Amino acid sequence: MPLYEYVCEECQHPFEALVFGENQAECPSCHGRKLARQLSVPARPKTEPTLPTACQSSGPPCGPMCSRFPQN
């Protein structure tokens, strides 16, 4: 289910719409169907590590990024 960005050509209202299959989007402001689809830019991925880098546990290492993981 793709999310598209549109601008209504009748009232110039910008909006986003989920479009399923062959369905056509409709302006939520004026209910017009003359729409200009805009170029959507994907979100930038996170650059932060998602695994912990400093583990405070007394158990076994929590993964390869753990500071207590044995290095070869």
PDB file of N, CA and C in Angstrom:
ATOM      1  N   MET A   1       0.838  -1.173   0.000  1.00  0.00           N
ATOM      2  CA  MET A   1       0.000   0.000   0.000  1.00  0.00           C
ATOM      3  C   MET A   1       0.884   1.238   0.000  1.00  0.00           C
ATOM      4  N   PRO A   2       1.137   1.770  -1.150  1.00  0.00           N
ATOM      5  CA  PRO A   2       2.023   2.928  -1.259  1.00  0.00           C
ATOM      6  C   PRO A   2       1.367   4.225  -0.781  1.00  0.00           C
ATOM      7  N   LEU A   3       2.183   5.063  -0.170  1.00  0.00           N
ATOM      8  CA  LEU A   3       1.758   6.379   0.281  1.00  0.00           C
ATOM      9  C   LEU A   3       2.293   7.392  -0.721  1.00  0.00           C
ATOM     10  N   TYR A   4       1.390   8.145  -1.335  1.00  0.00           N
ATOM     11  CA  TYR A   4       1.786   9.131  -2.337  1.00  0.00           C
ATOM     12  C   TYR A   4       1.488  10.533  -1.835  1.00  0.00           C
ATOM     13  N   GLU A   5       2.261  11.506  -2.333  1.00  0.00           N
ATOM     14  CA  GLU A   5       2.024  12.917  -2.052  1.00  0.00           C
ATOM     15  C   GLU A   5       1.399  13.529  -3.296  1.00  0.00           C
ATOM     16  N   TYR A   6       0.383  14.351  -3.072  1.00  0.00           N
ATOM     17  CA  TYR A   6      -0.348  15.001  -4.166  1.00  0.00           C
ATOM     18  C   TYR A   6      -0.527  16.484  -3.879  1.00  0.00           C
ATOM     19  N   VAL A   7      -0.800  17.234  -4.959  1.00  0.00           N
ATOM     20  CA  VAL A   7      -1.279  18.610  -4.863  1.00  0.00           C
ATOM     21  C   VAL A   7      -2.505  18.670  -5.754  1.00  0.00           C
ATOM     22  N   CYS A   8      -3.610  19.135  -5.171  1.00  0.00           N
ATOM     23  CA  CYS A   8      -4.849  19.261  -5.936  1.00  0.00           C
ATOM     24  C   CYS A   8      -4.700  20.399  -6.937  1.00  0.00           C
ATOM     25  N   GLU A   9      -5.018  20.140  -8.197  1.00  0.00           N
ATOM     26  CA  GLU A   9      -4.898  21.169  -9.232  1.00  0.00           C
ATOM     27  C   GLU A   9      -6.053  22.169  -9.179  1.00  0.00           C
ATOM     28  N   GLU A  10      -7.122  21.846  -8.457  1.00  0.00           N
ATOM     29  CA  GLU A  10      -8.272  22.752  -8.360  1.00  0.00           C
ATOM     30  C   GLU A  10      -8.128  23.744  -7.209  1.00  0.00           C
ATOM     31  N   CYS A  11      -7.681  23.261  -6.013  1.00  0.00           N
ATOM     32  CA  CYS A  11      -7.603  24.159  -4.860  1.00  0.00           C
ATOM     33  C   CYS A  11      -6.175  24.328  -4.330  1.00  0.00           C
ATOM     34  N   GLN A  12      -5.192  23.668  -4.950  1.00  0.00           N
ATOM     35  CA  GLN A  12      -3.776  23.746  -4.590  1.00  0.00           C
ATOM     36  C   GLN A  12      -3.465  23.197  -3.190  1.00  0.00           C
ATOM     37  N   HIS A  13      -4.339  22.346  -2.666  1.00  0.00           N
ATOM     38  CA  HIS A  13      -4.136  21.748  -1.341  1.00  0.00           C
ATOM     39  C   HIS A  13      -3.156  20.579  -1.443  1.00  0.00           C
ATOM     40  N   PRO A  14      -2.009  20.616  -0.694  1.00  0.00           N
ATOM     41  CA  PRO A  14      -1.086  19.478  -0.694  1.00  0.00           C
ATOM     42  C   PRO A  14      -1.542  18.457   0.346  1.00  0.00           C
ATOM     43  N   PHE A  15      -1.411  17.157   0.025  1.00  0.00           N
ATOM     44  CA  PHE A  15      -1.800  16.103   0.959  1.00  0.00           C
ATOM     45  C   PHE A  15      -1.128  14.792   0.587  1.00  0.00           C
ATOM     46  N   GLU A  16      -1.210  13.842   1.510  1.00  0.00           N
ATOM     47  CA  GLU A  16      -0.707  12.485   1.283  1.00  0.00           C
ATOM     48  C   GLU A  16      -1.896  11.543   1.271  1.00  0.00           C
ATOM     49  N   ALA A  17      -1.798  10.456   0.490  1.00  0.00           N
ATOM     50  CA  ALA A  17      -2.896   9.500   0.419  1.00  0.00           C
ATOM     51  C   ALA A  17      -2.357   8.095   0.204  1.00  0.00           C
ATOM     52  N   LEU A  18      -2.968   7.138   0.896  1.00  0.00           N
ATOM     53  CA  LEU A  18      -2.694   5.727   0.640  1.00  0.00           C
ATOM     54  C   LEU A  18      -3.523   5.307  -0.557  1.00  0.00           C
ATOM     55  N   VAL A  19      -2.907   4.654  -1.527  1.00  0.00           N
ATOM     56  CA  VAL A  19      -3.615   4.264  -2.738  1.00  0.00           C
ATOM     57  C   VAL A  19      -3.571   2.747  -2.852  1.00  0.00           C
ATOM     58  N   PHE A  20      -4.721   2.124  -2.890  1.00  0.00           N
ATOM     59  CA  PHE A  20      -4.838   0.674  -2.983  1.00  0.00           C
ATOM     60  C   PHE A  20      -5.234   0.266  -4.394  1.00  0.00           C
ATOM     61  N   GLY A  21      -4.442  -0.604  -5.016  1.00  0.00           N
ATOM     62  CA  GLY A  21      -4.772  -1.148  -6.324  1.00  0.00           C
ATOM     63  C   GLY A  21      -5.045  -0.093  -7.379  1.00  0.00           C
ATOM     64  N   GLU A  22      -6.231  -0.199  -8.001  1.00  0.00           N
ATOM     65  CA  GLU A  22      -6.618   0.721  -9.069  1.00  0.00           C
ATOM     66  C   GLU A  22      -7.387   1.934  -8.556  1.00  0.00           C
ATOM     67  N   ASN A  23      -7.513   2.091  -7.240  1.00  0.00           N
ATOM     68  CA  ASN A  23      -8.236   3.233  -6.676  1.00  0.00           C
ATOM     69  C   ASN A  23      -7.536   4.539  -7.013  1.00  0.00           C
ATOM     70  N   GLN A  24      -8.308   5.606  -7.070  1.00  0.00           N
ATOM     71  CA  GLN A  24      -7.777   6.929  -7.362  1.00  0.00           C
ATOM     72  C   GLN A  24      -7.948   7.810  -6.133  1.00  0.00           C
ATOM     73  N   ALA A  25      -6.932   8.605  -5.819  1.00  0.00           N
ATOM     74  CA  ALA A  25      -6.987   9.501  -4.669  1.00  0.00           C
ATOM     75  C   ALA A  25      -7.955  10.649  -4.936  1.00  0.00           C
ATOM     76  N   GLU A  26      -8.414  11.243  -3.831  1.00  0.00           N
ATOM     77  CA  GLU A  26      -9.345  12.378  -3.898  1.00  0.00           C
ATOM     78  C   GLU A  26      -8.862  13.433  -2.910  1.00  0.00           C
ATOM     79  N   CYS A  27      -8.938  14.696  -3.296  1.00  0.00           N
ATOM     80  CA  CYS A  27      -8.524  15.791  -2.427  1.00  0.00           C
ATOM     81  C   CYS A  27      -9.419  15.829  -1.187  1.00  0.00           C
ATOM     82  N   PRO A  28      -8.828  15.817   0.010  1.00  0.00           N
ATOM     83  CA  PRO A  28      -9.650  15.869   1.220  1.00  0.00           C
ATOM     84  C   PRO A  28     -10.292  17.237   1.454  1.00  0.00           C
ATOM     85  N   SER A  29      -9.792  18.263   0.781  1.00  0.00           N
ATOM     86  CA  SER A  29     -10.314  19.613   0.970  1.00  0.00           C
ATOM     87  C   SER A  29     -11.528  19.899   0.080  1.00  0.00           C
ATOM     88  N   CYS A  30     -11.379  19.677  -1.240  1.00  0.00           N
ATOM     89  CA  CYS A  30     -12.466  20.016  -2.171  1.00  0.00           C
ATOM     90  C   CYS A  30     -13.066  18.789  -2.864  1.00  0.00           C
ATOM     91  N   HIS A  31     -12.512  17.589  -2.581  1.00  0.00           N
ATOM     92  CA  HIS A  31     -12.948  16.320  -3.178  1.00  0.00           C
ATOM     93  C   HIS A  31     -12.717  16.258  -4.687  1.00  0.00           C
ATOM     94  N   GLY A  32     -11.802  17.102  -5.158  1.00  0.00           N
ATOM     95  CA  GLY A  32     -11.447  17.072  -6.575  1.00  0.00           C
ATOM     96  C   GLY A  32     -10.595  15.862  -6.907  1.00  0.00           C
ATOM     97  N   ARG A  33     -10.603  15.469  -8.187  1.00  0.00           N
ATOM     98  CA  ARG A  33      -9.815  14.320  -8.628  1.00  0.00           C
ATOM     99  C   ARG A  33      -8.713  14.703  -9.622  1.00  0.00           C
ATOM    100  N   LYS A  34      -8.570  16.014  -9.920  1.00  0.00           N
ATOM    101  CA  LYS A  34      -7.469  16.475 -10.766  1.00  0.00           C
ATOM    102  C   LYS A  34      -6.285  16.719  -9.842  1.00  0.00           C
ATOM    103  N   LEU A  35      -5.389  15.725  -9.765  1.00  0.00           N
ATOM    104  CA  LEU A  35      -4.286  15.773  -8.815  1.00  0.00           C
ATOM    105  C   LEU A  35      -2.952  15.672  -9.531  1.00  0.00           C
ATOM    106  N   ALA A  36      -1.967  16.341  -8.998  1.00  0.00           N
ATOM    107  CA  ALA A  36      -0.596  16.236  -9.494  1.00  0.00           C
ATOM    108  C   ALA A  36       0.203  15.464  -8.457  1.00  0.00           C
ATOM    109  N   ARG A  37       0.694  14.286  -8.837  1.00  0.00           N
ATOM    110  CA  ARG A  37       1.479  13.494  -7.905  1.00  0.00           C
ATOM    111  C   ARG A  37       2.865  14.102  -7.780  1.00  0.00           C
ATOM    112  N   GLN A  38       3.334  14.251  -6.554  1.00  0.00           N
ATOM    113  CA  GLN A  38       4.620  14.874  -6.275  1.00  0.00           C
ATOM    114  C   GLN A  38       5.698  13.813  -6.102  1.00  0.00           C
ATOM    115  N   LEU A  39       6.933  14.218  -6.281  1.00  0.00           N
ATOM    116  CA  LEU A  39       8.062  13.334  -6.077  1.00  0.00           C
ATOM    117  C   LEU A  39       8.278  13.175  -4.579  1.00  0.00           C
ATOM    118  N   SER A  40       8.190  11.960  -4.078  1.00  0.00           N
ATOM    119  CA  SER A  40       8.396  11.688  -2.652  1.00  0.00           C
ATOM    120  C   SER A  40       9.830  11.261  -2.431  1.00  0.00           C
ATOM    121  N   VAL A  41      10.439  11.799  -1.397  1.00  0.00           N
ATOM    122  CA  VAL A  41      11.799  11.448  -1.041  1.00  0.00           C
ATOM    123  C   VAL A  41      11.740  10.523   0.177  1.00  0.00           C
ATOM    124  N   PRO A  42      12.365   9.354   0.103  1.00  0.00           N
ATOM    125  CA  PRO A  42      12.313   8.442   1.252  1.00  0.00           C
ATOM    126  C   PRO A  42      13.049   9.020   2.450  1.00  0.00           C
ATOM    127  N   ALA A  43      12.669   8.573   3.619  1.00  0.00           N
ATOM    128  CA  ALA A  43      13.311   9.019   4.847  1.00  0.00           C
ATOM    129  C   ALA A  43      14.743   8.514   4.895  1.00  0.00           C
ATOM    130  N   ARG A  44      15.613   9.307   5.495  1.00  0.00           N
ATOM    131  CA  ARG A  44      17.015   8.922   5.630  1.00  0.00           C
ATOM    132  C   ARG A  44      17.139   7.871   6.727  1.00  0.00           C
ATOM    133  N   PRO A  45      17.864   6.791   6.475  1.00  0.00           N
ATOM    134  CA  PRO A  45      18.012   5.762   7.506  1.00  0.00           C
ATOM    135  C   PRO A  45      18.798   6.281   8.701  1.00  0.00           C
ATOM    136  N   LYS A  46      18.546   5.688   9.853  1.00  0.00           N
ATOM    137  CA  LYS A  46      19.278   6.068  11.059  1.00  0.00           C
ATOM    138  C   LYS A  46      20.742   5.702  10.893  1.00  0.00           C
ATOM    139  N   THR A  47      21.620   6.558  11.396  1.00  0.00           N
ATOM    140  CA  THR A  47      23.046   6.279  11.323  1.00  0.00           C
ATOM    141  C   THR A  47      23.596   5.829  12.667  1.00  0.00           C
ATOM    142  N   GLU A  48      22.766   5.884  13.701  1.00  0.00           N
ATOM    143  CA  GLU A  48      23.198   5.462  15.029  1.00  0.00           C
ATOM    144  C   GLU A  48      23.176   3.934  15.109  1.00  0.00           C
ATOM    145  N   PRO A  49      24.092   3.347  15.859  1.00  0.00           N
ATOM    146  CA  PRO A  49      24.023   1.896  16.043  1.00  0.00           C
ATOM    147  C   PRO A  49      22.784   1.527  16.855  1.00  0.00           C
ATOM    148  N   THR A  50      22.138   0.433  16.481  1.00  0.00           N
ATOM    149  CA  THR A  50      20.933   0.014  17.183  1.00  0.00           C
ATOM    150  C   THR A  50      21.239  -0.986  18.284  1.00  0.00           C
ATOM    151  N   LEU A  51      22.440  -1.552  18.282  1.00  0.00           N
ATOM    152  CA  LEU A  51      22.827  -2.481  19.329  1.00  0.00           C
ATOM    153  C   LEU A  51      23.570  -1.730  20.426  1.00  0.00           C
ATOM    154  N   PRO A  52      23.461  -2.170  21.654  1.00  0.00           N
ATOM    155  CA  PRO A  52      24.182  -1.485  22.733  1.00  0.00           C
ATOM    156  C   PRO A  52      25.691  -1.624  22.555  1.00  0.00           C
ATOM    157  N   THR A  53      26.433  -0.581  22.894  1.00  0.00           N
ATOM    158  CA  THR A  53      27.886  -0.626  22.773  1.00  0.00           C
ATOM    159  C   THR A  53      28.554  -0.809  24.127  1.00  0.00           C
ATOM    160  N   ALA A  54      27.846  -0.571  25.195  1.00  0.00           N
ATOM    161  CA  ALA A  54      28.391  -0.759  26.540  1.00  0.00           C
ATOM    162  C   ALA A  54      27.358  -1.505  27.363  1.00  0.00           C
ATOM    163  N   CYS A  55      27.673  -2.737  27.703  1.00  0.00           N
ATOM    164  CA  CYS A  55      26.742  -3.582  28.438  1.00  0.00           C
ATOM    165  C   CYS A  55      27.075  -3.527  29.926  1.00  0.00           C
ATOM    166  N   GLN A  56      26.064  -3.388  30.763  1.00  0.00           N
ATOM    167  CA  GLN A  56      26.261  -3.345  32.205  1.00  0.00           C
ATOM    168  C   GLN A  56      25.870  -4.663  32.866  1.00  0.00           C
ATOM    169  N   SER A  57      25.621  -5.696  32.109  1.00  0.00           N
ATOM    170  CA  SER A  57      25.184  -6.976  32.631  1.00  0.00           C
ATOM    171  C   SER A  57      26.363  -7.793  33.152  1.00  0.00           C
ATOM    172  N   SER A  58      26.078  -8.684  34.106  1.00  0.00           N
ATOM    173  CA  SER A  58      27.127  -9.575  34.597  1.00  0.00           C
ATOM    174  C   SER A  58      27.054 -10.939  33.902  1.00  0.00           C
ATOM    175  N   GLY A  59      26.088 -11.105  33.001  1.00  0.00           N
ATOM    176  CA  GLY A  59      25.911 -12.355  32.273  1.00  0.00           C
ATOM    177  C   GLY A  59      26.819 -12.425  31.065  1.00  0.00           C
ATOM    178  N   PRO A  60      26.509 -13.329  30.125  1.00  0.00           N
ATOM    179  CA  PRO A  60      27.323 -13.444  28.913  1.00  0.00           C
ATOM    180  C   PRO A  60      27.182 -12.192  28.041  1.00  0.00           C
ATOM    181  N   PRO A  61      28.122 -11.945  27.115  1.00  0.00           N
ATOM    182  CA  PRO A  61      28.026 -10.781  26.219  1.00  0.00           C
ATOM    183  C   PRO A  61      26.696 -10.786  25.468  1.00  0.00           C
ATOM    184  N   CYS A  62      26.144  -9.604  25.281  1.00  0.00           N
ATOM    185  CA  CYS A  62      24.819  -9.497  24.664  1.00  0.00           C
ATOM    186  C   CYS A  62      24.871  -9.544  23.132  1.00  0.00           C
ATOM    187  N   GLY A  63      26.012  -9.480  22.513  1.00  0.00           N
ATOM    188  CA  GLY A  63      26.121  -9.547  21.057  1.00  0.00           C
ATOM    189  C   GLY A  63      27.482  -9.064  20.585  1.00  0.00           C
ATOM    190  N   PRO A  64      27.729  -9.073  19.276  1.00  0.00           N
ATOM    191  CA  PRO A  64      29.046  -8.708  18.750  1.00  0.00           C
ATOM    192  C   PRO A  64      29.443  -7.260  19.014  1.00  0.00           C
ATOM    193  N   MET A  65      28.490  -6.349  19.256  1.00  0.00           N
ATOM    194  CA  MET A  65      28.819  -4.955  19.534  1.00  0.00           C
ATOM    195  C   MET A  65      29.073  -4.712  21.023  1.00  0.00           C
ATOM    196  N   CYS A  66      28.847  -5.724  21.839  1.00  0.00           N
ATOM    197  CA  CYS A  66      29.013  -5.601  23.295  1.00  0.00           C
ATOM    198  C   CYS A  66      30.481  -5.344  23.633  1.00  0.00           C
ATOM    199  N   SER A  67      30.735  -4.477  24.596  1.00  0.00           N
ATOM    200  CA  SER A  67      32.108  -4.165  24.974  1.00  0.00           C
ATOM    201  C   SER A  67      32.783  -5.341  25.667  1.00  0.00           C
ATOM    202  N   ARG A  68      31.994  -6.328  26.114  1.00  0.00           N
ATOM    203  CA  ARG A  68      32.562  -7.499  26.768  1.00  0.00           C
ATOM    204  C   ARG A  68      32.713  -8.679  25.814  1.00  0.00           C
ATOM    205  N   PHE A  69      32.408  -8.517  24.538  1.00  0.00           N
ATOM    206  CA  PHE A  69      32.512  -9.590  23.561  1.00  0.00           C
ATOM    207  C   PHE A  69      33.997  -9.886  23.307  1.00  0.00           C
ATOM    208  N   PRO A  70      34.397 -11.174  23.344  1.00  0.00           N
ATOM    209  CA  PRO A  70      35.821 -11.492  23.129  1.00  0.00           C
ATOM    210  C   PRO A  70      36.273 -11.105  21.716  1.00  0.00           C
ATOM    211  N   GLN A  71      37.352 -10.389  21.645  1.00  0.00           N
ATOM    212  CA  GLN A  71      37.924  -9.971  20.351  1.00  0.00           C
ATOM    213  C   GLN A  71      38.987 -10.969  19.929  1.00  0.00           C
ATOM    214  N   ASN A  72      39.028 -11.351  18.657  1.00  0.00           N
ATOM    215  CA  ASN A  72      40.034 -12.299  18.151  1.00  0.00           C
ATOM    216  C   ASN A  72      41.202 -11.573  17.565  1.00  0.00           C
TER     217      ASN A  72
END
